[in-house]
Amino acid sequence: MAWLSLIVAGVLEIFGVAMMNKLNRDRSWQAICLLCLGFGGSFLFLSLVMRTLPMSTAYAIWTGIGASGGAILGMFLYGESRDFRRVLFIVMILGAAVGLKLVD
């Protein structure tokens, strides 16, 4: 259950980042509320996960999901570069997060 909650926390982190981009383009109350809900939910689920998983593993995987998801979101929705080196580094981030779990 903790791992599922960690994935939910990471997805909410990605949602928060997307709403941050929306807020930069469109200053609206809706964007502010969705940003707060995304990041607030992400922190809530991360704090619940840290009751079960070690802080170092939970935080590293959470940031890996958020950073990789944000980069992928930027590539597909906002026309950011899809250079193979960017994809390689995203894979390395995710691989490092999985590696932390394997040695935990």
PDB file of N, CA and C in Angstrom:
ATOM      1  N   MET A   1       0.820  -1.202   0.000  1.00  0.00           N
ATOM      2  CA  MET A   1       0.000   0.000   0.000  1.00  0.00           C
ATOM      3  C   MET A   1       0.859   1.258   0.000  1.00  0.00           C
ATOM      4  N   ALA A   2       2.005   1.189   0.686  1.00  0.00           N
ATOM      5  CA  ALA A   2       2.884   2.356   0.748  1.00  0.00           C
ATOM      6  C   ALA A   2       3.418   2.714  -0.636  1.00  0.00           C
ATOM      7  N   TRP A   3       3.727   1.693  -1.437  1.00  0.00           N
ATOM      8  CA  TRP A   3       4.265   1.979  -2.765  1.00  0.00           C
ATOM      9  C   TRP A   3       3.210   2.594  -3.675  1.00  0.00           C
ATOM     10  N   LEU A   4       1.990   2.146  -3.554  1.00  0.00           N
ATOM     11  CA  LEU A   4       0.906   2.753  -4.327  1.00  0.00           C
ATOM     12  C   LEU A   4       0.700   4.208  -3.908  1.00  0.00           C
ATOM     13  N   SER A   5       0.758   4.463  -2.613  1.00  0.00           N
ATOM     14  CA  SER A   5       0.625   5.834  -2.108  1.00  0.00           C
ATOM     15  C   SER A   5       1.780   6.710  -2.585  1.00  0.00           C
ATOM     16  N   LEU A   6       2.961   6.122  -2.697  1.00  0.00           N
ATOM     17  CA  LEU A   6       4.114   6.876  -3.188  1.00  0.00           C
ATOM     18  C   LEU A   6       3.938   7.246  -4.656  1.00  0.00           C
ATOM     19  N   ILE A   7       3.381   6.337  -5.430  1.00  0.00           N
ATOM     20  CA  ILE A   7       3.104   6.641  -6.840  1.00  0.00           C
ATOM     21  C   ILE A   7       2.053   7.738  -6.942  1.00  0.00           C
ATOM     22  N   VAL A   8       1.024   7.668  -6.108  1.00  0.00           N
ATOM     23  CA  VAL A   8      -0.009   8.720  -6.100  1.00  0.00           C
ATOM     24  C   VAL A   8       0.624  10.059  -5.731  1.00  0.00           C
ATOM     25  N   ALA A   9       1.509  10.061  -4.741  1.00  0.00           N
ATOM     26  CA  ALA A   9       2.194  11.297  -4.351  1.00  0.00           C
ATOM     27  C   ALA A   9       3.006  11.860  -5.515  1.00  0.00           C
ATOM     28  N   GLY A  10       3.691  10.986  -6.256  1.00  0.00           N
ATOM     29  CA  GLY A  10       4.471  11.432  -7.409  1.00  0.00           C
ATOM     30  C   GLY A  10       3.602  11.985  -8.522  1.00  0.00           C
ATOM     31  N   VAL A  11       2.486  11.342  -8.779  1.00  0.00           N
ATOM     32  CA  VAL A  11       1.569  11.821  -9.826  1.00  0.00           C
ATOM     33  C   VAL A  11       0.976  13.171  -9.429  1.00  0.00           C
ATOM     34  N   LEU A  12       0.639  13.331  -8.156  1.00  0.00           N
ATOM     35  CA  LEU A  12       0.133  14.632  -7.697  1.00  0.00           C
ATOM     36  C   LEU A  12       1.213  15.705  -7.787  1.00  0.00           C
ATOM     37  N   GLU A  13       2.463  15.326  -7.600  1.00  0.00           N
ATOM     38  CA  GLU A  13       3.586  16.262  -7.773  1.00  0.00           C
ATOM     39  C   GLU A  13       3.658  16.721  -9.231  1.00  0.00           C
ATOM     40  N   ILE A  14       3.518  15.793 -10.152  1.00  0.00           N
ATOM     41  CA  ILE A  14       3.517  16.135 -11.578  1.00  0.00           C
ATOM     42  C   ILE A  14       2.346  17.069 -11.884  1.00  0.00           C
ATOM     43  N   PHE A  15       1.172  16.763 -11.330  1.00  0.00           N
ATOM     44  CA  PHE A  15       0.000  17.614 -11.519  1.00  0.00           C
ATOM     45  C   PHE A  15       0.268  19.019 -10.981  1.00  0.00           C
ATOM     46  N   GLY A  16       0.900  19.115  -9.804  1.00  0.00           N
ATOM     47  CA  GLY A  16       1.232  20.423  -9.234  1.00  0.00           C
ATOM     48  C   GLY A  16       2.164  21.218 -10.138  1.00  0.00           C
ATOM     49  N   VAL A  17       3.134  20.547 -10.715  1.00  0.00           N
ATOM     50  CA  VAL A  17       4.064  21.219 -11.635  1.00  0.00           C
ATOM     51  C   VAL A  17       3.320  21.709 -12.879  1.00  0.00           C
ATOM     52  N   ALA A  18       2.409  20.883 -13.390  1.00  0.00           N
ATOM     53  CA  ALA A  18       1.613  21.297 -14.554  1.00  0.00           C
ATOM     54  C   ALA A  18       0.766  22.516 -14.216  1.00  0.00           C
ATOM     55  N   MET A  19       0.211  22.558 -13.013  1.00  0.00           N
ATOM     56  CA  MET A  19      -0.601  23.707 -12.604  1.00  0.00           C
ATOM     57  C   MET A  19       0.266  24.942 -12.372  1.00  0.00           C
ATOM     58  N   MET A  20       1.520  24.743 -11.979  1.00  0.00           N
ATOM     59  CA  MET A  20       2.440  25.863 -11.856  1.00  0.00           C
ATOM     60  C   MET A  20       2.671  26.498 -13.229  1.00  0.00           C
ATOM     61  N   ASN A  21       2.811  25.657 -14.247  1.00  0.00           N
ATOM     62  CA  ASN A  21       2.969  26.153 -15.613  1.00  0.00           C
ATOM     63  C   ASN A  21       1.701  26.863 -16.067  1.00  0.00           C
ATOM     64  N   LYS A  22       0.544  26.294 -15.735  1.00  0.00           N
ATOM     65  CA  LYS A  22      -0.737  26.932 -16.085  1.00  0.00           C
ATOM     66  C   LYS A  22      -0.865  28.288 -15.400  1.00  0.00           C
ATOM     67  N   LEU A  23      -0.448  28.364 -14.144  1.00  0.00           N
ATOM     68  CA  LEU A  23      -0.524  29.619 -13.402  1.00  0.00           C
ATOM     69  C   LEU A  23       0.378  30.683 -14.021  1.00  0.00           C
ATOM     70  N   ASN A  24       1.534  30.279 -14.516  1.00  0.00           N
ATOM     71  CA  ASN A  24       2.431  31.234 -15.174  1.00  0.00           C
ATOM     72  C   ASN A  24       1.837  31.782 -16.465  1.00  0.00           C
ATOM     73  N   ARG A  25       1.037  30.976 -17.155  1.00  0.00           N
ATOM     74  CA  ARG A  25       0.399  31.421 -18.399  1.00  0.00           C
ATOM     75  C   ARG A  25      -0.905  32.154 -18.148  1.00  0.00           C
ATOM     76  N   ASP A  26      -1.637  31.727 -17.128  1.00  0.00           N
ATOM     77  CA  ASP A  26      -3.000  32.213 -16.906  1.00  0.00           C
ATOM     78  C   ASP A  26      -3.209  32.426 -15.413  1.00  0.00           C
ATOM     79  N   ARG A  27      -3.116  33.666 -14.985  1.00  0.00           N
ATOM     80  CA  ARG A  27      -3.300  33.980 -13.558  1.00  0.00           C
ATOM     81  C   ARG A  27      -4.779  33.895 -13.204  1.00  0.00           C
ATOM     82  N   SER A  28      -5.174  32.747 -12.655  1.00  0.00           N
ATOM     83  CA  SER A  28      -6.572  32.576 -12.271  1.00  0.00           C
ATOM     84  C   SER A  28      -6.640  31.880 -10.919  1.00  0.00           C
ATOM     85  N   TRP A  29      -7.774  32.060 -10.257  1.00  0.00           N
ATOM     86  CA  TRP A  29      -7.982  31.399  -8.969  1.00  0.00           C
ATOM     87  C   TRP A  29      -8.041  29.893  -9.131  1.00  0.00           C
ATOM     88  N   GLN A  30      -8.582  29.460 -10.245  1.00  0.00           N
ATOM     89  CA  GLN A  30      -8.668  28.023 -10.498  1.00  0.00           C
ATOM     90  C   GLN A  30      -7.271  27.404 -10.539  1.00  0.00           C
ATOM     91  N   ALA A  31      -6.350  28.045 -11.235  1.00  0.00           N
ATOM     92  CA  ALA A  31      -4.983  27.527 -11.326  1.00  0.00           C
ATOM     93  C   ALA A  31      -4.313  27.516  -9.954  1.00  0.00           C
ATOM     94  N   ILE A  32      -4.540  28.563  -9.158  1.00  0.00           N
ATOM     95  CA  ILE A  32      -3.955  28.626  -7.816  1.00  0.00           C
ATOM     96  C   ILE A  32      -4.513  27.505  -6.939  1.00  0.00           C
ATOM     97  N   CYS A  33      -5.822  27.308  -6.986  1.00  0.00           N
ATOM     98  CA  CYS A  33      -6.449  26.256  -6.171  1.00  0.00           C
ATOM     99  C   CYS A  33      -5.973  24.870  -6.594  1.00  0.00           C
ATOM    100  N   LEU A  34      -5.890  24.625  -7.904  1.00  0.00           N
ATOM    101  CA  LEU A  34      -5.435  23.321  -8.380  1.00  0.00           C
ATOM    102  C   LEU A  34      -3.967  23.085  -8.038  1.00  0.00           C
ATOM    103  N   LEU A  35      -3.158  24.130  -8.108  1.00  0.00           N
ATOM    104  CA  LEU A  35      -1.754  24.021  -7.722  1.00  0.00           C
ATOM    105  C   LEU A  35      -1.640  23.633  -6.248  1.00  0.00           C
ATOM    106  N   CYS A  36      -2.390  24.305  -5.399  1.00  0.00           N
ATOM    107  CA  CYS A  36      -2.368  24.000  -3.962  1.00  0.00           C
ATOM    108  C   CYS A  36      -2.877  22.592  -3.685  1.00  0.00           C
ATOM    109  N   LEU A  37      -3.928  22.176  -4.386  1.00  0.00           N
ATOM    110  CA  LEU A  37      -4.438  20.814  -4.212  1.00  0.00           C
ATOM    111  C   LEU A  37      -3.416  19.770  -4.663  1.00  0.00           C
ATOM    112  N   GLY A  38      -2.765  20.032  -5.787  1.00  0.00           N
ATOM    113  CA  GLY A  38      -1.768  19.084  -6.299  1.00  0.00           C
ATOM    114  C   GLY A  38      -0.603  18.918  -5.347  1.00  0.00           C
ATOM    115  N   PHE A  39       0.018  20.030  -4.966  1.00  0.00           N
ATOM    116  CA  PHE A  39       1.178  19.938  -4.075  1.00  0.00           C
ATOM    117  C   PHE A  39       0.777  19.526  -2.664  1.00  0.00           C
ATOM    118  N   GLY A  40      -0.374  20.017  -2.195  1.00  0.00           N
ATOM    119  CA  GLY A  40      -0.839  19.630  -0.865  1.00  0.00           C
ATOM    120  C   GLY A  40      -1.110  18.133  -0.778  1.00  0.00           C
ATOM    121  N   GLY A  41      -1.792  17.600  -1.784  1.00  0.00           N
ATOM    122  CA  GLY A  41      -2.049  16.161  -1.818  1.00  0.00           C
ATOM    123  C   GLY A  41      -0.767  15.357  -1.933  1.00  0.00           C
ATOM    124  N   SER A  42       0.166  15.875  -2.707  1.00  0.00           N
ATOM    125  CA  SER A  42       1.443  15.194  -2.869  1.00  0.00           C
ATOM    126  C   SER A  42       2.189  15.102  -1.540  1.00  0.00           C
ATOM    127  N   PHE A  43       2.251  16.220  -0.815  1.00  0.00           N
ATOM    128  CA  PHE A  43       2.924  16.209   0.483  1.00  0.00           C
ATOM    129  C   PHE A  43       2.189  15.330   1.489  1.00  0.00           C
ATOM    130  N   LEU A  44       0.869  15.328   1.433  1.00  0.00           N
ATOM    131  CA  LEU A  44       0.088  14.498   2.337  1.00  0.00           C
ATOM    132  C   LEU A  44       0.404  13.017   2.120  1.00  0.00           C
ATOM    133  N   PHE A  45       0.351  12.575   0.864  1.00  0.00           N
ATOM    134  CA  PHE A  45       0.645  11.182   0.585  1.00  0.00           C
ATOM    135  C   PHE A  45       2.096  10.836   0.898  1.00  0.00           C
ATOM    136  N   LEU A  46       3.028  11.756   0.623  1.00  0.00           N
ATOM    137  CA  LEU A  46       4.428  11.496   0.953  1.00  0.00           C
ATOM    138  C   LEU A  46       4.606  11.328   2.456  1.00  0.00           C
ATOM    139  N   SER A  47       3.933  12.152   3.237  1.00  0.00           N
ATOM    140  CA  SER A  47       4.064  12.030   4.692  1.00  0.00           C
ATOM    141  C   SER A  47       3.480  10.706   5.184  1.00  0.00           C
ATOM    142  N   LEU A  48       2.401  10.235   4.570  1.00  0.00           N
ATOM    143  CA  LEU A  48       1.837   8.936   4.938  1.00  0.00           C
ATOM    144  C   LEU A  48       2.788   7.798   4.576  1.00  0.00           C
ATOM    145  N   VAL A  49       3.424   7.917   3.422  1.00  0.00           N
ATOM    146  CA  VAL A  49       4.374   6.897   2.976  1.00  0.00           C
ATOM    147  C   VAL A  49       5.563   6.804   3.930  1.00  0.00           C
ATOM    148  N   MET A  50       6.000   7.957   4.449  1.00  0.00           N
ATOM    149  CA  MET A  50       7.184   7.973   5.311  1.00  0.00           C
ATOM    150  C   MET A  50       6.944   7.299   6.658  1.00  0.00           C
ATOM    151  N   ARG A  51       5.711   6.938   6.955  1.00  0.00           N
ATOM    152  CA  ARG A  51       5.434   6.149   8.163  1.00  0.00           C
ATOM    153  C   ARG A  51       5.885   4.707   7.979  1.00  0.00           C
ATOM    154  N   THR A  52       5.952   4.270   6.716  1.00  0.00           N
ATOM    155  CA  THR A  52       6.292   2.883   6.411  1.00  0.00           C
ATOM    156  C   THR A  52       7.679   2.745   5.783  1.00  0.00           C
ATOM    157  N   LEU A  53       7.949   3.560   4.776  1.00  0.00           N
ATOM    158  CA  LEU A  53       9.223   3.463   4.062  1.00  0.00           C
ATOM    159  C   LEU A  53      10.249   4.423   4.659  1.00  0.00           C
ATOM    160  N   PRO A  54      11.527   4.093   4.516  1.00  0.00           N
ATOM    161  CA  PRO A  54      12.556   5.024   4.991  1.00  0.00           C
ATOM    162  C   PRO A  54      12.457   6.358   4.256  1.00  0.00           C
ATOM    163  N   MET A  55      12.736   7.429   4.972  1.00  0.00           N
ATOM    164  CA  MET A  55      12.634   8.771   4.399  1.00  0.00           C
ATOM    165  C   MET A  55      13.499   8.915   3.153  1.00  0.00           C
ATOM    166  N   SER A  56      14.719   8.407   3.187  1.00  0.00           N
ATOM    167  CA  SER A  56      15.621   8.576   2.050  1.00  0.00           C
ATOM    168  C   SER A  56      15.070   7.911   0.796  1.00  0.00           C
ATOM    169  N   THR A  57      14.540   6.729   0.920  1.00  0.00           N
ATOM    170  CA  THR A  57      13.982   6.020  -0.231  1.00  0.00           C
ATOM    171  C   THR A  57      12.712   6.701  -0.727  1.00  0.00           C
ATOM    172  N   ALA A  58      11.808   7.017   0.191  1.00  0.00           N
ATOM    173  CA  ALA A  58      10.536   7.638  -0.194  1.00  0.00           C
ATOM    174  C   ALA A  58      10.775   8.982  -0.890  1.00  0.00           C
ATOM    175  N   TYR A  59      11.634   9.816  -0.308  1.00  0.00           N
ATOM    176  CA  TYR A  59      11.868  11.141  -0.887  1.00  0.00           C
ATOM    177  C   TYR A  59      12.560  11.038  -2.243  1.00  0.00           C
ATOM    178  N   ALA A  60      13.533  10.157  -2.357  1.00  0.00           N
ATOM    179  CA  ALA A  60      14.252  10.025  -3.627  1.00  0.00           C
ATOM    180  C   ALA A  60      13.318   9.547  -4.741  1.00  0.00           C
ATOM    181  N   ILE A  61      12.477   8.593  -4.445  1.00  0.00           N
ATOM    182  CA  ILE A  61      11.563   8.080  -5.465  1.00  0.00           C
ATOM    183  C   ILE A  61      10.501   9.128  -5.802  1.00  0.00           C
ATOM    184  N   TRP A  62      10.015   9.826  -4.791  1.00  0.00           N
ATOM    185  CA  TRP A  62       9.027  10.888  -5.009  1.00  0.00           C
ATOM    186  C   TRP A  62       9.598  11.984  -5.913  1.00  0.00           C
ATOM    187  N   THR A  63      10.814  12.425  -5.621  1.00  0.00           N
ATOM    188  CA  THR A  63      11.415  13.467  -6.467  1.00  0.00           C
ATOM    189  C   THR A  63      11.729  12.932  -7.856  1.00  0.00           C
ATOM    190  N   GLY A  64      12.112  11.652  -7.944  1.00  0.00           N
ATOM    191  CA  GLY A  64      12.379  11.060  -9.260  1.00  0.00           C
ATOM    192  C   GLY A  64      11.137  11.009 -10.119  1.00  0.00           C
ATOM    193  N   ILE A  65      10.025  10.609  -9.515  1.00  0.00           N
ATOM    194  CA  ILE A  65       8.756  10.579 -10.259  1.00  0.00           C
ATOM    195  C   ILE A  65       8.376  11.998 -10.680  1.00  0.00           C
ATOM    196  N   GLY A  66       8.497  12.951  -9.759  1.00  0.00           N
ATOM    197  CA  GLY A  66       8.128  14.332 -10.066  1.00  0.00           C
ATOM    198  C   GLY A  66       9.008  14.963 -11.132  1.00  0.00           C
ATOM    199  N   ALA A  67      10.322  14.774 -10.999  1.00  0.00           N
ATOM    200  CA  ALA A  67      11.246  15.378 -11.976  1.00  0.00           C
ATOM    201  C   ALA A  67      11.100  14.739 -13.352  1.00  0.00           C
ATOM    202  N   SER A  68      11.052  13.423 -13.377  1.00  0.00           N
ATOM    203  CA  SER A  68      10.905  12.730 -14.662  1.00  0.00           C
ATOM    204  C   SER A  68       9.547  13.016 -15.288  1.00  0.00           C
ATOM    205  N   GLY A  69       8.512  12.958 -14.476  1.00  0.00           N
ATOM    206  CA  GLY A  69       7.169  13.234 -14.987  1.00  0.00           C
ATOM    207  C   GLY A  69       7.032  14.651 -15.499  1.00  0.00           C
ATOM    208  N   GLY A  70       7.621  15.601 -14.776  1.00  0.00           N
ATOM    209  CA  GLY A  70       7.576  16.989 -15.232  1.00  0.00           C
ATOM    210  C   GLY A  70       8.298  17.178 -16.556  1.00  0.00           C
ATOM    211  N   ALA A  71       9.444  16.523 -16.703  1.00  0.00           N
ATOM    212  CA  ALA A  71      10.190  16.623 -17.963  1.00  0.00           C
ATOM    213  C   ALA A  71       9.433  15.979 -19.113  1.00  0.00           C
ATOM    214  N   ILE A  72       8.846  14.823 -18.855  1.00  0.00           N
ATOM    215  CA  ILE A  72       8.073  14.131 -19.898  1.00  0.00           C
ATOM    216  C   ILE A  72       6.834  14.935 -20.266  1.00  0.00           C
ATOM    217  N   LEU A  73       6.178  15.496 -19.259  1.00  0.00           N
ATOM    218  CA  LEU A  73       5.014  16.343 -19.505  1.00  0.00           C
ATOM    219  C   LEU A  73       5.396  17.543 -20.378  1.00  0.00           C
ATOM    220  N   GLY A  74       6.526  18.146 -20.082  1.00  0.00           N
ATOM    221  CA  GLY A  74       7.005  19.271 -20.877  1.00  0.00           C
ATOM    222  C   GLY A  74       7.277  18.886 -22.323  1.00  0.00           C
ATOM    223  N   MET A  75       7.803  17.688 -22.513  1.00  0.00           N
ATOM    224  CA  MET A  75       8.096  17.241 -23.874  1.00  0.00           C
ATOM    225  C   MET A  75       6.820  17.003 -24.672  1.00  0.00           C
ATOM    226  N   PHE A  76       5.822  16.378 -24.046  1.00  0.00           N
ATOM    227  CA  PHE A  76       4.623  16.010 -24.792  1.00  0.00           C
ATOM    228  C   PHE A  76       3.571  17.116 -24.871  1.00  0.00           C
ATOM    229  N   LEU A  77       3.471  17.936 -23.833  1.00  0.00           N
ATOM    230  CA  LEU A  77       2.417  18.956 -23.836  1.00  0.00           C
ATOM    231  C   LEU A  77       2.890  20.352 -24.189  1.00  0.00           C
ATOM    232  N   TYR A  78       4.163  20.649 -23.951  1.00  0.00           N
ATOM    233  CA  TYR A  78       4.625  22.020 -24.124  1.00  0.00           C
ATOM    234  C   TYR A  78       5.735  22.168 -25.147  1.00  0.00           C
ATOM    235  N   GLY A  79       5.971  21.138 -25.919  1.00  0.00           N
ATOM    236  CA  GLY A  79       6.908  21.234 -27.035  1.00  0.00           C
ATOM    237  C   GLY A  79       8.363  21.377 -26.645  1.00  0.00           C
ATOM    238  N   GLU A  80       8.737  20.920 -25.463  1.00  0.00           N
ATOM    239  CA  GLU A  80      10.138  20.988 -25.062  1.00  0.00           C
ATOM    240  C   GLU A  80      10.938  19.936 -25.833  1.00  0.00           C
ATOM    241  N   SER A  81      12.242  20.119 -25.851  1.00  0.00           N
ATOM    242  CA  SER A  81      13.132  19.254 -26.615  1.00  0.00           C
ATOM    243  C   SER A  81      12.962  17.785 -26.231  1.00  0.00           C
ATOM    244  N   ARG A  82      12.995  16.921 -27.245  1.00  0.00           N
ATOM    245  CA  ARG A  82      12.932  15.474 -27.033  1.00  0.00           C
ATOM    246  C   ARG A  82      14.262  14.821 -27.392  1.00  0.00           C
ATOM    247  N   ASP A  83      15.315  15.576 -27.227  1.00  0.00           N
ATOM    248  CA  ASP A  83      16.659  15.097 -27.542  1.00  0.00           C
ATOM    249  C   ASP A  83      16.937  13.788 -26.791  1.00  0.00           C
ATOM    250  N   PHE A  84      17.657  12.874 -27.446  1.00  0.00           N
ATOM    251  CA  PHE A  84      17.908  11.568 -26.830  1.00  0.00           C
ATOM    252  C   PHE A  84      18.664  11.691 -25.518  1.00  0.00           C
ATOM    253  N   ARG A  85      19.477  12.735 -25.362  1.00  0.00           N
ATOM    254  CA  ARG A  85      20.212  12.901 -24.105  1.00  0.00           C
ATOM    255  C   ARG A  85      19.262  13.226 -22.952  1.00  0.00           C
ATOM    256  N   ARG A  86      18.240  14.014 -23.214  1.00  0.00           N
ATOM    257  CA  ARG A  86      17.237  14.290 -22.173  1.00  0.00           C
ATOM    258  C   ARG A  86      16.539  13.003 -21.758  1.00  0.00           C
ATOM    259  N   VAL A  87      16.143  12.212 -22.736  1.00  0.00           N
ATOM    260  CA  VAL A  87      15.480  10.941 -22.437  1.00  0.00           C
ATOM    261  C   VAL A  87      16.427  10.023 -21.669  1.00  0.00           C
ATOM    262  N   LEU A  88      17.691   9.994 -22.056  1.00  0.00           N
ATOM    263  CA  LEU A  88      18.676   9.175 -21.357  1.00  0.00           C
ATOM    264  C   LEU A  88      18.780   9.579 -19.888  1.00  0.00           C
ATOM    265  N   PHE A  89      18.828  10.869 -19.611  1.00  0.00           N
ATOM    266  CA  PHE A  89      18.949  11.325 -18.231  1.00  0.00           C
ATOM    267  C   PHE A  89      17.669  11.070 -17.434  1.00  0.00           C
ATOM    268  N   ILE A  90      16.525  11.138 -18.082  1.00  0.00           N
ATOM    269  CA  ILE A  90      15.277  10.776 -17.401  1.00  0.00           C
ATOM    270  C   ILE A  90      15.315   9.300 -17.012  1.00  0.00           C
ATOM    271  N   VAL A  91      15.765   8.459 -17.918  1.00  0.00           N
ATOM    272  CA  VAL A  91      15.884   7.025 -17.625  1.00  0.00           C
ATOM    273  C   VAL A  91      16.878   6.809 -16.478  1.00  0.00           C
ATOM    274  N   MET A  92      17.955   7.592 -16.458  1.00  0.00           N
ATOM    275  CA  MET A  92      18.942   7.464 -15.377  1.00  0.00           C
ATOM    276  C   MET A  92      18.339   7.859 -14.026  1.00  0.00           C
ATOM    277  N   ILE A  93      17.514   8.904 -14.010  1.00  0.00           N
ATOM    278  CA  ILE A  93      16.844   9.304 -12.763  1.00  0.00           C
ATOM    279  C   ILE A  93      15.956   8.179 -12.261  1.00  0.00           C
ATOM    280  N   LEU A  94      15.143   7.630 -13.153  1.00  0.00           N
ATOM    281  CA  LEU A  94      14.249   6.541 -12.758  1.00  0.00           C
ATOM    282  C   LEU A  94      15.035   5.298 -12.350  1.00  0.00           C
ATOM    283  N   GLY A  95      16.123   5.016 -13.059  1.00  0.00           N
ATOM    284  CA  GLY A  95      16.971   3.876 -12.711  1.00  0.00           C
ATOM    285  C   GLY A  95      17.605   4.034 -11.337  1.00  0.00           C
ATOM    286  N   ALA A  96      18.006   5.253 -11.008  1.00  0.00           N
ATOM    287  CA  ALA A  96      18.593   5.510  -9.689  1.00  0.00           C
ATOM    288  C   ALA A  96      17.553   5.305  -8.588  1.00  0.00           C
ATOM    289  N   ALA A  97      16.326   5.720  -8.837  1.00  0.00           N
ATOM    290  CA  ALA A  97      15.258   5.529  -7.848  1.00  0.00           C
ATOM    291  C   ALA A  97      14.985   4.043  -7.635  1.00  0.00           C
ATOM    292  N   VAL A  98      14.934   3.291  -8.710  1.00  0.00           N
ATOM    293  CA  VAL A  98      14.742   1.835  -8.599  1.00  0.00           C
ATOM    294  C   VAL A  98      15.937   1.210  -7.889  1.00  0.00           C
ATOM    295  N   GLY A  99      17.124   1.669  -8.196  1.00  0.00           N
ATOM    296  CA  GLY A  99      18.326   1.162  -7.538  1.00  0.00           C
ATOM    297  C   GLY A  99      18.301   1.388  -6.031  1.00  0.00           C
ATOM    298  N   LEU A 100      17.796   2.523  -5.599  1.00  0.00           N
ATOM    299  CA  LEU A 100      17.670   2.771  -4.160  1.00  0.00           C
ATOM    300  C   LEU A 100      16.754   1.749  -3.500  1.00  0.00           C
ATOM    301  N   LYS A 101      15.694   1.395  -4.188  1.00  0.00           N
ATOM    302  CA  LYS A 101      14.776   0.393  -3.638  1.00  0.00           C
ATOM    303  C   LYS A 101      15.460  -0.977  -3.580  1.00  0.00           C
ATOM    304  N   LEU A 102      16.222  -1.296  -4.597  1.00  0.00           N
ATOM    305  CA  LEU A 102      16.860  -2.611  -4.648  1.00  0.00           C
ATOM    306  C   LEU A 102      17.895  -2.802  -3.542  1.00  0.00           C
ATOM    307  N   VAL A 103      18.577  -1.740  -3.161  1.00  0.00           N
ATOM    308  CA  VAL A 103      19.597  -1.866  -2.113  1.00  0.00           C
ATOM    309  C   VAL A 103      19.055  -1.546  -0.736  1.00  0.00           C
ATOM    310  N   ASP A 104      17.792  -1.207  -0.649  1.00  0.00           N
ATOM    311  CA  ASP A 104      17.171  -0.857   0.630  1.00  0.00           C
ATOM    312  C   ASP A 104      16.909  -2.081   1.479  1.00  0.00           C
TER     313      ASP A 104
END
